[in-house]
Protein backbone atom coordinates (compact mmCIF):
# COMPACT_ATOMS: atom_id res chain seq x y z
CA UNK A 1 144.03 126.45 64.90
CA UNK A 2 146.06 127.46 61.82
CA UNK A 3 143.64 125.32 59.60
CA UNK A 4 140.71 126.94 61.28
CA UNK A 5 142.38 130.35 60.40
CA UNK A 6 143.00 129.40 56.99
CA UNK A 7 139.37 128.10 56.48
CA UNK A 8 137.50 130.87 58.06
CA UNK A 9 139.70 133.73 56.17
CA UNK A 10 139.42 131.82 52.80
CA UNK A 11 135.76 130.83 52.91
CA UNK A 12 134.09 133.94 54.38
CA UNK A 13 135.24 136.42 51.74
CA UNK A 14 137.54 139.37 51.91
CA UNK A 15 139.01 140.10 55.39
CA UNK A 16 140.63 143.40 56.16
CA UNK A 17 144.14 143.44 57.76
CA UNK A 18 142.66 144.48 61.24
CA UNK A 19 140.05 141.64 61.40
CA UNK A 20 142.77 139.00 60.13
CA UNK A 21 145.13 140.19 62.84
CA UNK A 22 142.29 139.82 65.53
CA UNK A 23 141.34 136.54 64.50
CA UNK A 24 145.07 135.17 64.33
CA UNK A 25 145.85 136.70 67.76
CA UNK A 26 142.69 135.25 69.49
CA UNK A 27 143.48 131.81 67.76
CA UNK A 28 147.06 132.07 69.07
CA UNK A 29 145.94 133.09 72.79
CA UNK A 30 143.27 130.44 72.64
CA UNK A 31 145.99 127.92 71.70
CA UNK A 32 147.96 128.90 74.69
CA UNK A 33 144.98 128.60 76.86
CA UNK A 34 144.31 125.19 75.41
CA UNK A 35 147.92 124.23 76.38
CA UNK A 36 147.60 125.61 79.87
CA UNK A 37 144.30 123.71 80.43
CA UNK A 38 145.72 120.52 79.12
CA UNK A 39 148.94 120.80 81.21
CA UNK A 40 146.97 121.52 84.42
CA UNK A 41 144.68 118.54 83.68
CA UNK A 42 147.60 116.26 82.95
CA UNK A 43 149.29 117.35 86.00
CA UNK A 44 146.32 116.63 88.23
CA UNK A 45 145.67 113.23 86.62
CA UNK A 46 148.77 111.55 85.68
CA UNK A 47 147.27 108.09 85.62
CA UNK A 48 144.74 109.13 82.78
CA UNK A 49 147.87 110.37 80.74
CA UNK A 50 149.70 107.14 81.16
CA UNK A 51 146.63 105.17 80.17
CA UNK A 52 146.48 106.91 76.85
CA UNK A 53 149.49 104.86 75.78
CA UNK A 54 148.00 101.53 76.59
CA UNK A 55 151.25 99.57 77.13
CA UNK A 56 151.69 96.02 78.53
CA UNK A 57 153.54 95.75 81.78
CA UNK A 58 156.78 94.75 79.92
CA UNK A 59 156.56 97.56 77.50
CA UNK A 60 155.53 99.89 80.23
CA UNK A 61 158.78 98.99 82.13
CA UNK A 62 160.87 99.33 79.10
CA UNK A 63 159.31 102.73 78.15
CA UNK A 64 159.77 103.93 81.62
CA UNK A 65 163.38 102.92 81.66
CA UNK A 66 164.04 104.71 78.47
CA UNK A 67 162.15 107.82 79.58
CA UNK A 68 163.96 107.87 82.59
CA UNK A 69 167.29 107.99 80.65
CA UNK A 70 165.96 110.54 77.89
CA UNK A 71 163.72 113.02 79.82
CA UNK A 72 166.37 114.72 81.99
CA UNK A 73 168.50 115.52 78.92
CA UNK A 74 165.41 116.57 76.88
CA UNK A 75 164.29 118.61 79.70
CA UNK A 76 167.68 120.56 79.94
CA UNK A 77 167.69 120.89 76.25
CA UNK A 78 164.11 122.33 76.17
CA UNK A 79 164.98 124.69 78.99
CA UNK A 80 168.05 125.96 77.16
CA UNK A 81 165.99 126.46 73.95
CA UNK A 82 163.42 128.51 76.04
CA UNK A 83 166.38 130.99 76.99
CA UNK A 84 166.74 131.98 73.20
CA UNK A 85 163.37 133.85 72.98
CA UNK A 86 163.77 135.21 76.47
CA UNK A 87 167.17 136.74 75.53
CA UNK A 88 165.61 138.04 72.26
CA UNK A 89 162.74 139.70 74.09
CA UNK A 90 165.33 141.25 76.43
CA UNK A 91 167.49 142.52 73.53
CA UNK A 92 164.47 143.90 71.64
CA UNK A 93 163.07 145.68 74.75
CA UNK A 94 166.56 147.39 75.34
CA UNK A 95 166.71 148.24 71.72
CA UNK A 96 163.36 150.04 71.87
CA UNK A 97 164.47 151.89 75.01
CA UNK A 98 167.57 153.21 73.11
CA UNK A 99 165.60 154.34 69.94
CA UNK A 100 162.91 155.91 72.09
CA UNK A 101 165.52 158.20 73.92
CA UNK A 102 168.65 158.82 71.59
CA UNK A 103 169.12 160.26 68.06
CA UNK A 104 165.80 161.87 68.01
CA UNK A 105 164.88 165.18 66.23
CA UNK A 106 161.43 166.86 66.20
CA UNK A 107 159.70 166.90 62.76
CA UNK A 108 158.24 170.05 61.38
CA UNK A 109 155.03 171.35 63.20
CA UNK A 110 152.88 170.57 60.21
CA UNK A 111 153.46 166.80 60.71
CA UNK A 112 152.97 166.81 64.35
CA UNK A 113 149.61 168.59 63.83
CA UNK A 114 148.61 166.21 61.06
CA UNK A 115 149.29 163.28 63.38
CA UNK A 116 147.39 164.83 66.26
CA UNK A 117 144.51 165.69 63.94
CA UNK A 118 144.15 162.15 62.22
CA UNK A 119 144.68 160.40 65.69
CA UNK A 120 141.69 162.35 66.91
CA UNK A 121 139.65 161.45 63.86
CA UNK A 122 140.52 157.79 64.34
CA UNK A 123 139.40 157.89 68.00
CA UNK A 124 142.95 157.53 69.47
CA UNK A 125 142.54 159.34 72.85
CA UNK A 126 146.35 158.83 73.85
CA UNK A 127 148.66 161.58 72.79
CA UNK A 128 150.80 160.38 69.91
CA UNK A 129 154.28 161.71 69.53
CA UNK A 130 156.25 161.65 66.21
CA UNK A 131 159.92 161.94 65.90
CA UNK A 132 162.65 161.76 63.28
CA UNK A 133 165.25 159.03 64.25
CA UNK A 134 168.74 158.49 63.17
CA UNK A 135 168.59 154.78 64.45
CA UNK A 136 165.37 153.32 62.53
CA UNK A 137 165.63 152.28 58.95
CA UNK A 138 161.76 152.20 58.39
CA UNK A 139 158.90 153.94 60.13
CA UNK A 140 157.97 152.13 63.38
CA UNK A 141 155.46 152.59 66.23
CA UNK A 142 156.46 151.82 69.57
CA UNK A 143 154.82 152.05 73.02
CA UNK A 144 151.17 151.32 73.96
CA UNK A 145 150.58 153.69 76.85
CA UNK A 146 152.58 156.51 75.26
CA UNK A 147 152.77 155.65 71.58
CA UNK A 148 155.64 157.01 69.49
CA UNK A 149 155.94 156.97 65.69
CA UNK A 150 159.56 157.11 64.65
CA UNK A 151 160.44 158.07 61.09
CA UNK A 152 163.90 157.69 59.53
CA UNK A 153 165.55 161.00 59.04
CA UNK A 154 166.20 160.07 55.37
CA UNK A 155 162.51 159.28 54.57
CA UNK A 156 161.33 162.85 55.39
CA UNK A 157 163.37 164.20 52.44
CA UNK A 158 162.63 161.51 49.80
CA UNK A 159 158.88 161.07 50.23
CA UNK A 160 156.42 163.26 48.81
CA UNK A 161 153.65 164.77 51.04
CA UNK A 162 151.16 162.29 50.10
CA UNK A 163 153.55 159.52 50.80
CA UNK A 164 154.46 160.78 54.08
CA UNK A 165 150.82 161.00 54.97
CA UNK A 166 150.29 157.40 53.91
CA UNK A 167 153.10 156.26 56.14
CA UNK A 168 151.81 158.35 59.15
CA UNK A 169 148.23 156.71 58.48
CA UNK A 170 149.75 153.27 58.42
CA UNK A 171 151.41 153.97 61.87
CA UNK A 172 148.36 155.60 63.19
CA UNK A 173 146.30 152.27 62.28
CA UNK A 174 148.89 150.25 64.26
CA UNK A 175 148.33 152.46 67.15
CA UNK A 176 144.41 152.33 66.83
CA UNK A 177 144.46 148.43 66.61
CA UNK A 178 146.79 148.17 69.78
CA UNK A 179 149.40 146.10 67.65
CA UNK A 180 152.43 147.04 69.97
CA UNK A 181 150.43 145.60 73.00
CA UNK A 182 149.29 142.45 71.11
CA UNK A 183 152.85 141.76 69.96
CA UNK A 184 153.95 142.02 73.45
CA UNK A 185 151.30 139.54 74.70
CA UNK A 186 152.12 137.18 71.72
CA UNK A 187 155.85 137.29 72.67
């Protein structure tokens, strides 16, 4: 699937970021679907899976004995390794809840109006909030149902008006493409 992505994006000319993102996400989700289909097919037809290896009777006994010793330990290690992304997901979820509630300051009214006006022009129907945050180090968009743009407090003083507008346009593009939801699904 990665090779398909590389071939499609390199052979068909320039792709914008949104199209590349959609293609990558659809290939990633189809890869997961492929895994589920293969798993369920193999689960329902174990004899077909065993016949793929084509072992003789003596080799089959030796392989089964070896697998009987190795698979329990490999399964435990695999399950333990699966806990790492789950713990990271929980930690990140808690962090998002904290930065969404604490250390927030309302920006000037002109920035809120700018975000609302541009969001409407981009076809974003959900109300988008913008907050200055003490907790983030770079601009970030969080939330799918109630999107929030968090801008670091220090950024507001160091960027020109045009630079700040570019940052907000970038974050609004994430909202329009539903990147937050897509990242949740991928995780």
